[in-house]
N, C-alpha and C. Protein backbone atom coordinates (compact mmCIF):
# COMPACT_ATOMS: atom_id res chain seq x y z
N ALA A 1 39.23 19.92 26.03
CA ALA A 1 39.07 18.71 26.81
C ALA A 1 37.78 17.99 26.44
N LEU A 2 36.71 18.76 26.13
CA LEU A 2 35.44 18.14 25.76
C LEU A 2 35.56 17.34 24.46
N ILE A 3 36.32 17.87 23.52
CA ILE A 3 36.49 17.16 22.25
C ILE A 3 37.19 15.83 22.49
N PHE A 4 38.25 15.86 23.27
CA PHE A 4 38.99 14.63 23.56
C PHE A 4 38.12 13.64 24.34
N MET A 5 37.36 14.13 25.29
CA MET A 5 36.46 13.26 26.06
C MET A 5 35.39 12.66 25.16
N GLY A 6 34.89 13.45 24.22
CA GLY A 6 33.92 12.93 23.26
C GLY A 6 34.51 11.83 22.41
N PHE A 7 35.75 12.03 21.99
CA PHE A 7 36.46 11.01 21.22
C PHE A 7 36.58 9.71 22.02
N LEU A 8 37.01 9.82 23.28
CA LEU A 8 37.17 8.64 24.13
C LEU A 8 35.82 7.95 24.37
N PHE A 9 34.78 8.74 24.60
CA PHE A 9 33.44 8.20 24.83
C PHE A 9 32.97 7.39 23.62
N LEU A 10 33.05 8.00 22.44
CA LEU A 10 32.60 7.30 21.23
C LEU A 10 33.47 6.09 20.93
N SER A 11 34.77 6.22 21.14
CA SER A 11 35.68 5.10 20.88
C SER A 11 35.35 3.91 21.76
N TYR A 12 35.11 4.16 23.02
CA TYR A 12 34.83 3.07 23.96
C TYR A 12 33.46 2.46 23.72
N PHE A 13 32.44 3.30 23.65
CA PHE A 13 31.08 2.78 23.59
C PHE A 13 30.64 2.36 22.19
N TYR A 14 31.49 2.51 21.19
CA TYR A 14 31.15 1.94 19.89
C TYR A 14 30.99 0.43 20.03
N SER A 15 31.87 -0.21 20.79
CA SER A 15 31.84 -1.67 20.94
C SER A 15 31.43 -2.14 22.33
N ALA A 16 31.61 -1.32 23.35
CA ALA A 16 31.43 -1.78 24.73
C ALA A 16 29.99 -1.61 25.22
N PRO A 17 29.51 -2.60 25.99
CA PRO A 17 28.22 -2.45 26.65
C PRO A 17 28.33 -1.39 27.75
N PRO A 18 27.29 -0.79 28.17
CA PRO A 18 25.91 -1.09 27.81
C PRO A 18 25.42 -0.36 26.56
N LEU A 19 26.15 0.62 26.07
CA LEU A 19 25.66 1.39 24.91
C LEU A 19 25.89 0.67 23.59
N ARG A 20 27.07 0.13 23.38
CA ARG A 20 27.43 -0.65 22.18
C ARG A 20 26.77 -0.11 20.91
N PHE A 21 27.21 1.08 20.50
CA PHE A 21 26.62 1.77 19.35
C PHE A 21 26.65 0.95 18.08
N LYS A 22 27.61 0.06 17.93
CA LYS A 22 27.76 -0.70 16.69
C LYS A 22 26.55 -1.58 16.39
N GLU A 23 25.72 -1.85 17.38
CA GLU A 23 24.54 -2.67 17.10
C GLU A 23 23.25 -1.89 17.30
N ARG A 24 23.33 -0.59 17.12
CA ARG A 24 22.15 0.27 17.20
C ARG A 24 22.03 1.04 15.89
N PRO A 25 20.99 0.71 15.11
CA PRO A 25 20.83 1.39 13.82
C PRO A 25 20.90 2.91 13.97
N PHE A 26 21.55 3.53 13.03
CA PHE A 26 21.76 4.97 12.93
C PHE A 26 22.79 5.49 13.93
N LEU A 27 22.84 4.92 15.12
CA LEU A 27 23.92 5.29 16.05
C LEU A 27 25.23 4.65 15.62
N ASP A 28 25.13 3.51 14.91
CA ASP A 28 26.35 2.84 14.46
C ASP A 28 27.17 3.76 13.57
N PHE A 29 26.55 4.36 12.58
CA PHE A 29 27.32 5.24 11.70
C PHE A 29 27.55 6.62 12.31
N SER A 30 26.61 7.10 13.10
CA SER A 30 26.79 8.42 13.71
C SER A 30 27.94 8.43 14.70
N SER A 31 28.12 7.34 15.42
CA SER A 31 29.21 7.28 16.40
C SER A 31 30.57 7.22 15.74
N ASN A 32 30.60 6.95 14.45
CA ASN A 32 31.87 6.93 13.74
C ASN A 32 32.43 8.33 13.49
N TYR A 33 31.73 9.33 14.01
CA TYR A 33 32.28 10.69 14.00
C TYR A 33 33.61 10.73 14.73
N LEU A 34 33.82 9.71 15.56
CA LEU A 34 35.08 9.62 16.31
C LEU A 34 36.29 9.63 15.38
N TYR A 35 36.12 9.19 14.13
CA TYR A 35 37.24 9.15 13.20
C TYR A 35 37.76 10.53 12.81
N ILE A 36 36.89 11.54 12.84
CA ILE A 36 37.38 12.87 12.48
C ILE A 36 37.67 13.74 13.71
N MET A 37 37.34 13.21 14.88
CA MET A 37 37.56 13.99 16.09
C MET A 37 39.03 14.32 16.36
N PRO A 38 40.00 13.46 16.04
CA PRO A 38 41.39 13.88 16.22
C PRO A 38 41.73 15.11 15.37
N GLY A 39 41.18 15.19 14.17
CA GLY A 39 41.39 16.37 13.33
C GLY A 39 40.76 17.61 13.93
N ILE A 40 39.56 17.46 14.48
CA ILE A 40 38.89 18.58 15.14
C ILE A 40 39.70 19.03 16.36
N PHE A 41 40.18 18.05 17.11
CA PHE A 41 40.99 18.34 18.30
C PHE A 41 42.26 19.10 17.91
N ALA A 42 42.94 18.63 16.87
CA ALA A 42 44.18 19.29 16.41
C ALA A 42 43.88 20.70 15.91
N TYR A 43 42.80 20.86 15.16
CA TYR A 43 42.42 22.19 14.67
C TYR A 43 42.17 23.12 15.85
N ASN A 44 41.46 22.61 16.85
CA ASN A 44 41.16 23.41 18.03
C ASN A 44 42.42 23.80 18.79
N LEU A 45 43.35 22.87 18.92
CA LEU A 45 44.61 23.17 19.60
C LEU A 45 45.41 24.24 18.85
N ALA A 46 45.40 24.15 17.52
CA ALA A 46 46.20 25.08 16.71
C ALA A 46 45.55 26.45 16.59
N SER A 47 44.22 26.50 16.54
CA SER A 47 43.55 27.77 16.27
C SER A 47 42.79 28.34 17.46
N GLY A 48 42.49 27.50 18.43
CA GLY A 48 41.68 27.95 19.56
C GLY A 48 40.20 28.02 19.25
N ALA A 49 39.81 27.49 18.10
CA ALA A 49 38.41 27.51 17.67
C ALA A 49 38.05 26.16 17.07
N LEU A 50 36.78 26.00 16.76
CA LEU A 50 36.32 24.81 16.05
C LEU A 50 36.25 25.12 14.56
N PRO A 51 36.37 24.11 13.73
CA PRO A 51 36.18 24.35 12.29
C PRO A 51 34.76 24.85 12.03
N ASP A 52 34.57 25.43 10.88
CA ASP A 52 33.26 25.90 10.45
C ASP A 52 32.24 24.75 10.57
N PRO A 53 31.02 25.02 11.06
CA PRO A 53 30.02 23.96 11.20
C PRO A 53 29.73 23.21 9.90
N LEU A 54 29.82 23.89 8.76
CA LEU A 54 29.59 23.21 7.49
C LEU A 54 30.67 22.16 7.23
N ILE A 55 31.89 22.45 7.61
CA ILE A 55 32.98 21.48 7.47
C ILE A 55 32.76 20.31 8.42
N LEU A 56 32.31 20.60 9.64
CA LEU A 56 32.01 19.53 10.60
C LEU A 56 30.90 18.63 10.06
N PHE A 57 29.89 19.24 9.45
CA PHE A 57 28.79 18.46 8.86
C PHE A 57 29.28 17.64 7.67
N ALA A 58 30.15 18.22 6.85
CA ALA A 58 30.71 17.48 5.72
C ALA A 58 31.48 16.26 6.22
N GLY A 59 32.24 16.44 7.31
CA GLY A 59 32.95 15.31 7.90
C GLY A 59 31.99 14.23 8.36
N TYR A 60 30.88 14.64 8.98
CA TYR A 60 29.86 13.68 9.41
C TYR A 60 29.31 12.92 8.20
N CYS A 61 29.02 13.64 7.14
CA CYS A 61 28.49 12.99 5.94
C CYS A 61 29.45 11.93 5.41
N HIS A 62 30.73 12.26 5.40
CA HIS A 62 31.71 11.30 4.88
C HIS A 62 31.83 10.07 5.77
N VAL A 63 31.97 10.25 7.07
CA VAL A 63 32.12 9.07 7.93
C VAL A 63 30.84 8.26 7.97
N ALA A 64 29.68 8.91 7.90
CA ALA A 64 28.41 8.18 7.88
C ALA A 64 28.32 7.33 6.62
N ALA A 65 28.58 7.94 5.47
CA ALA A 65 28.51 7.21 4.20
C ALA A 65 29.51 6.07 4.17
N MET A 66 30.72 6.35 4.60
CA MET A 66 31.77 5.34 4.57
C MET A 66 31.43 4.16 5.48
N HIS A 67 30.93 4.45 6.67
CA HIS A 67 30.59 3.37 7.59
C HIS A 67 29.43 2.53 7.06
N ILE A 68 28.40 3.18 6.58
CA ILE A 68 27.25 2.44 6.05
C ILE A 68 27.70 1.57 4.88
N PHE A 69 28.46 2.16 3.95
CA PHE A 69 28.92 1.42 2.78
C PHE A 69 29.75 0.22 3.19
N SER A 70 30.61 0.38 4.19
CA SER A 70 31.47 -0.73 4.61
C SER A 70 30.70 -1.77 5.42
N ALA A 71 29.55 -1.42 5.98
CA ALA A 71 28.75 -2.38 6.74
C ALA A 71 27.85 -3.23 5.84
N VAL A 72 27.56 -2.74 4.64
CA VAL A 72 26.66 -3.47 3.74
C VAL A 72 27.17 -4.88 3.41
N PRO A 73 28.45 -5.08 3.08
CA PRO A 73 28.90 -6.45 2.77
C PRO A 73 28.74 -7.43 3.94
N ASP A 74 28.68 -6.92 5.15
CA ASP A 74 28.56 -7.78 6.34
C ASP A 74 27.12 -7.99 6.79
N THR A 75 26.16 -7.53 6.01
CA THR A 75 24.76 -7.55 6.44
C THR A 75 24.31 -8.93 6.90
N GLU A 76 24.53 -9.95 6.09
CA GLU A 76 24.06 -11.29 6.46
C GLU A 76 24.80 -11.84 7.67
N TYR A 77 26.10 -11.61 7.72
CA TYR A 77 26.89 -12.07 8.87
C TYR A 77 26.45 -11.37 10.15
N ASP A 78 26.20 -10.07 10.05
CA ASP A 78 25.73 -9.32 11.22
C ASP A 78 24.35 -9.80 11.66
N ARG A 79 23.48 -10.08 10.69
CA ARG A 79 22.14 -10.57 11.01
C ARG A 79 22.23 -11.90 11.77
N ILE A 80 23.07 -12.81 11.26
CA ILE A 80 23.25 -14.11 11.91
C ILE A 80 23.83 -13.95 13.31
N ALA A 81 24.75 -13.01 13.47
CA ALA A 81 25.39 -12.78 14.77
C ALA A 81 24.51 -11.97 15.72
N GLY A 82 23.36 -11.48 15.23
CA GLY A 82 22.47 -10.70 16.08
C GLY A 82 22.91 -9.26 16.27
N ILE A 83 23.73 -8.75 15.35
CA ILE A 83 24.20 -7.36 15.42
C ILE A 83 23.30 -6.53 14.51
N ASN A 84 22.50 -5.68 15.10
CA ASN A 84 21.49 -4.93 14.36
C ASN A 84 22.06 -3.60 13.84
N THR A 85 22.88 -3.68 12.80
CA THR A 85 23.45 -2.49 12.18
C THR A 85 22.39 -1.79 11.34
N THR A 86 22.71 -0.62 10.85
CA THR A 86 21.78 0.09 9.97
C THR A 86 21.42 -0.74 8.74
N PRO A 87 22.40 -1.33 8.01
CA PRO A 87 22.01 -2.16 6.86
C PRO A 87 21.15 -3.38 7.23
N VAL A 88 21.38 -3.97 8.40
CA VAL A 88 20.54 -5.09 8.85
C VAL A 88 19.12 -4.57 9.09
N PHE A 89 19.01 -3.43 9.73
CA PHE A 89 17.72 -2.86 10.11
C PHE A 89 16.89 -2.41 8.91
N ILE A 90 17.53 -1.72 7.96
CA ILE A 90 16.76 -1.16 6.83
C ILE A 90 16.95 -1.94 5.53
N GLY A 91 17.93 -2.81 5.46
CA GLY A 91 18.20 -3.57 4.24
C GLY A 91 19.37 -2.99 3.47
N ARG A 92 19.94 -3.84 2.62
CA ARG A 92 21.14 -3.46 1.87
C ARG A 92 20.90 -2.30 0.91
N ARG A 93 19.84 -2.39 0.11
CA ARG A 93 19.61 -1.35 -0.91
C ARG A 93 19.28 0.01 -0.28
N PRO A 94 18.39 0.07 0.71
CA PRO A 94 18.17 1.37 1.36
C PRO A 94 19.44 1.91 2.03
N ALA A 95 20.25 1.01 2.58
CA ALA A 95 21.51 1.46 3.19
C ALA A 95 22.43 2.06 2.13
N LEU A 96 22.49 1.42 0.97
CA LEU A 96 23.31 1.98 -0.12
C LEU A 96 22.77 3.34 -0.57
N ALA A 97 21.45 3.48 -0.58
CA ALA A 97 20.85 4.77 -0.97
C ALA A 97 21.21 5.85 0.05
N ILE A 98 21.17 5.52 1.33
CA ILE A 98 21.54 6.49 2.37
C ILE A 98 23.02 6.85 2.25
N SER A 99 23.84 5.84 1.98
CA SER A 99 25.28 6.08 1.79
C SER A 99 25.49 7.04 0.61
N ALA A 100 24.81 6.79 -0.49
CA ALA A 100 24.93 7.67 -1.66
C ALA A 100 24.47 9.08 -1.32
N PHE A 101 23.39 9.19 -0.56
CA PHE A 101 22.87 10.50 -0.16
C PHE A 101 23.90 11.28 0.66
N PHE A 102 24.48 10.62 1.67
CA PHE A 102 25.50 11.29 2.49
C PHE A 102 26.71 11.70 1.65
N TRP A 103 27.16 10.82 0.76
CA TRP A 103 28.31 11.18 -0.07
C TRP A 103 27.95 12.27 -1.07
N LEU A 104 26.72 12.29 -1.54
CA LEU A 104 26.29 13.37 -2.43
C LEU A 104 26.29 14.71 -1.68
N LEU A 105 25.79 14.70 -0.45
CA LEU A 105 25.84 15.93 0.37
C LEU A 105 27.28 16.38 0.56
N LEU A 106 28.17 15.45 0.91
CA LEU A 106 29.59 15.78 1.06
C LEU A 106 30.12 16.42 -0.21
N SER A 107 29.78 15.84 -1.35
CA SER A 107 30.29 16.34 -2.63
C SER A 107 29.81 17.76 -2.92
N ILE A 108 28.53 17.99 -2.68
CA ILE A 108 27.97 19.33 -2.93
C ILE A 108 28.62 20.36 -1.99
N ILE A 109 28.74 20.01 -0.73
CA ILE A 109 29.38 20.92 0.24
C ILE A 109 30.81 21.22 -0.19
N THR A 110 31.55 20.18 -0.56
CA THR A 110 32.95 20.35 -0.95
C THR A 110 33.09 21.28 -2.14
N VAL A 111 32.29 21.05 -3.16
CA VAL A 111 32.37 21.88 -4.36
C VAL A 111 32.00 23.33 -4.03
N CYS A 112 30.98 23.51 -3.21
CA CYS A 112 30.56 24.88 -2.86
C CYS A 112 31.60 25.61 -2.01
N ILE A 113 32.14 24.94 -0.98
CA ILE A 113 33.07 25.67 -0.10
C ILE A 113 34.43 25.92 -0.75
N THR A 114 34.72 25.21 -1.85
CA THR A 114 35.97 25.48 -2.56
C THR A 114 35.77 26.49 -3.68
N GLY A 115 34.57 27.06 -3.76
CA GLY A 115 34.30 28.03 -4.82
C GLY A 115 34.27 27.39 -6.20
N PHE A 116 33.81 26.15 -6.26
CA PHE A 116 33.68 25.41 -7.52
C PHE A 116 35.03 25.17 -8.20
N HIS A 117 36.05 24.97 -7.38
CA HIS A 117 37.37 24.67 -7.94
C HIS A 117 37.28 23.37 -8.75
N PRO A 118 37.86 23.34 -9.94
CA PRO A 118 37.75 22.14 -10.80
C PRO A 118 38.17 20.84 -10.11
N LEU A 119 39.22 20.88 -9.30
CA LEU A 119 39.67 19.65 -8.63
C LEU A 119 38.67 19.15 -7.59
N SER A 120 37.84 20.05 -7.07
CA SER A 120 36.89 19.64 -6.04
C SER A 120 35.83 18.69 -6.58
N PHE A 121 35.60 18.71 -7.88
CA PHE A 121 34.59 17.84 -8.47
C PHE A 121 34.98 16.37 -8.41
N LEU A 122 36.26 16.09 -8.14
CA LEU A 122 36.69 14.70 -7.99
C LEU A 122 35.98 14.01 -6.84
N VAL A 123 35.47 14.77 -5.88
CA VAL A 123 34.80 14.19 -4.73
C VAL A 123 33.54 13.42 -5.14
N PHE A 124 33.01 13.71 -6.32
CA PHE A 124 31.81 12.99 -6.78
C PHE A 124 32.08 11.52 -7.08
N ILE A 125 33.33 11.10 -7.00
CA ILE A 125 33.62 9.67 -7.14
C ILE A 125 33.01 8.89 -5.97
N TYR A 126 32.89 9.52 -4.81
CA TYR A 126 32.35 8.82 -3.64
C TYR A 126 30.90 8.36 -3.84
N PRO A 127 29.96 9.25 -4.16
CA PRO A 127 28.60 8.74 -4.36
C PRO A 127 28.51 7.75 -5.52
N ALA A 128 29.46 7.84 -6.46
CA ALA A 128 29.46 6.88 -7.58
C ALA A 128 29.65 5.45 -7.09
N PHE A 129 30.35 5.27 -5.99
CA PHE A 129 30.53 3.92 -5.44
C PHE A 129 29.18 3.32 -5.05
N SER A 130 28.44 4.02 -4.21
CA SER A 130 27.14 3.50 -3.76
C SER A 130 26.16 3.40 -4.91
N LEU A 131 26.13 4.43 -5.75
CA LEU A 131 25.18 4.43 -6.86
C LEU A 131 25.47 3.33 -7.87
N SER A 132 26.74 3.05 -8.12
CA SER A 132 27.06 1.99 -9.08
C SER A 132 26.59 0.63 -8.58
N VAL A 133 26.73 0.38 -7.28
CA VAL A 133 26.26 -0.90 -6.73
C VAL A 133 24.73 -0.95 -6.77
N LEU A 134 24.08 0.18 -6.51
CA LEU A 134 22.62 0.24 -6.55
C LEU A 134 22.06 0.06 -7.96
N LEU A 135 22.70 0.68 -8.94
CA LEU A 135 22.11 0.78 -10.28
C LEU A 135 22.64 -0.24 -11.28
N ILE A 136 23.80 -0.80 -11.04
CA ILE A 136 24.39 -1.75 -11.99
C ILE A 136 24.55 -3.08 -11.27
N ARG A 137 23.65 -4.00 -11.55
CA ARG A 137 23.57 -5.26 -10.80
C ARG A 137 24.86 -6.08 -10.82
N ARG A 138 25.63 -5.99 -11.89
CA ARG A 138 26.83 -6.83 -11.99
C ARG A 138 27.99 -6.29 -11.13
N ILE A 139 27.87 -5.06 -10.64
CA ILE A 139 28.91 -4.51 -9.76
C ILE A 139 28.64 -4.98 -8.34
N ARG A 140 29.58 -5.69 -7.80
CA ARG A 140 29.45 -6.28 -6.47
C ARG A 140 30.16 -5.40 -5.43
N ILE A 141 29.47 -5.10 -4.36
CA ILE A 141 30.06 -4.27 -3.32
C ILE A 141 31.28 -4.93 -2.69
N GLU A 142 31.25 -6.26 -2.62
CA GLU A 142 32.37 -6.97 -2.02
C GLU A 142 33.66 -6.75 -2.79
N LYS A 143 33.54 -6.43 -4.07
CA LYS A 143 34.72 -6.17 -4.89
C LYS A 143 35.06 -4.68 -4.95
N ILE A 144 34.07 -3.85 -5.21
CA ILE A 144 34.31 -2.42 -5.39
C ILE A 144 34.75 -1.75 -4.09
N TYR A 145 34.34 -2.30 -2.96
CA TYR A 145 34.71 -1.73 -1.66
C TYR A 145 36.22 -1.58 -1.53
N TRP A 146 36.97 -2.51 -2.06
CA TRP A 146 38.43 -2.51 -1.89
C TRP A 146 39.13 -1.44 -2.72
N TYR A 147 38.40 -0.71 -3.55
CA TYR A 147 38.97 0.42 -4.28
C TYR A 147 38.95 1.70 -3.43
N LEU A 148 38.10 1.73 -2.41
CA LEU A 148 37.98 2.94 -1.59
C LEU A 148 39.28 3.37 -0.92
N PRO A 149 40.08 2.46 -0.37
CA PRO A 149 41.34 2.93 0.22
C PRO A 149 42.24 3.64 -0.80
N HIS A 150 42.20 3.19 -2.05
CA HIS A 150 42.99 3.83 -3.09
C HIS A 150 42.45 5.23 -3.39
N VAL A 151 41.14 5.35 -3.45
CA VAL A 151 40.52 6.66 -3.70
C VAL A 151 40.81 7.60 -2.53
N ASN A 152 40.64 7.10 -1.30
CA ASN A 152 40.93 7.94 -0.13
C ASN A 152 42.38 8.42 -0.13
N THR A 153 43.29 7.52 -0.46
CA THR A 153 44.71 7.89 -0.49
C THR A 153 44.99 8.90 -1.60
N ALA A 154 44.44 8.65 -2.78
CA ALA A 154 44.68 9.54 -3.92
C ALA A 154 44.09 10.93 -3.66
N LEU A 155 42.84 10.98 -3.22
CA LEU A 155 42.22 12.29 -2.98
C LEU A 155 42.84 12.99 -1.77
N GLY A 156 43.17 12.23 -0.74
CA GLY A 156 43.85 12.82 0.42
C GLY A 156 45.21 13.37 0.03
N GLY A 157 45.95 12.63 -0.79
CA GLY A 157 47.25 13.10 -1.27
C GLY A 157 47.11 14.33 -2.14
N LEU A 158 46.10 14.33 -3.00
CA LEU A 158 45.85 15.48 -3.86
C LEU A 158 45.50 16.71 -3.02
N LEU A 159 44.67 16.50 -2.00
CA LEU A 159 44.32 17.61 -1.11
C LEU A 159 45.57 18.15 -0.41
N PHE A 160 46.41 17.26 0.08
CA PHE A 160 47.64 17.68 0.74
C PHE A 160 48.51 18.50 -0.22
N LEU A 161 48.69 18.00 -1.44
CA LEU A 161 49.51 18.72 -2.41
C LEU A 161 48.89 20.06 -2.79
N ALA A 162 47.56 20.09 -2.90
CA ALA A 162 46.88 21.35 -3.23
C ALA A 162 47.07 22.37 -2.10
N LEU A 163 47.00 21.90 -0.85
CA LEU A 163 47.19 22.82 0.27
C LEU A 163 48.62 23.34 0.33
N ILE A 164 49.59 22.46 0.08
CA ILE A 164 50.99 22.90 0.04
C ILE A 164 51.17 23.92 -1.09
N ASN A 165 50.60 23.61 -2.24
CA ASN A 165 50.68 24.53 -3.38
C ASN A 165 50.05 25.88 -3.03
N TYR A 166 48.89 25.84 -2.40
CA TYR A 166 48.19 27.06 -2.04
C TYR A 166 49.01 27.91 -1.08
N ARG A 167 49.64 27.27 -0.11
CA ARG A 167 50.40 27.98 0.91
C ARG A 167 51.80 28.41 0.44
N VAL A 168 52.41 27.63 -0.46
CA VAL A 168 53.81 27.87 -0.81
C VAL A 168 53.98 28.40 -2.24
N PHE A 169 53.41 27.69 -3.20
CA PHE A 169 53.70 28.00 -4.61
C PHE A 169 52.65 28.84 -5.32
N HIS A 170 51.41 28.71 -4.94
CA HIS A 170 50.29 29.46 -5.55
C HIS A 170 50.11 29.15 -7.04
N TRP A 171 50.34 27.90 -7.44
CA TRP A 171 50.17 27.54 -8.85
C TRP A 171 48.71 27.31 -9.22
N ILE A 172 47.95 26.78 -8.29
CA ILE A 172 46.55 26.45 -8.61
C ILE A 172 45.64 27.42 -7.89
């Protein structure tokens, strides 16, 4: 019940006053933990336990990086609207660096907890998004951002197939 209540709390107060996390630097991306809470809730219902804390932290790293990265293109619009997001507060480039840092942590955790499985190294595509915008001036975040849904779908699909293979076929 606490997990579900936490999900409802974060979902509501992300946008609603008086807390309105979306306009509070660092709370804006931290409150996006709500996106993985349904998975935590389902895991808890199925197993009676919580996932390993390292997996919970990896989930935090991913949602934090993803939220920061997706907020960067809106920095000027948010500033004009008076919405003090993390990228508005610290600037676009530092926000991209934090996004890269979180995705790099996610990547390292993923590779380690999978026992250095070769397919796990694909996760390093995530920090490459933030780093490419930071390091290669001609790469525009407004354009590269739209590739992320394809990467999420491809890696999520690959993970699903790998889990089915692991449970049923044992090929990999």
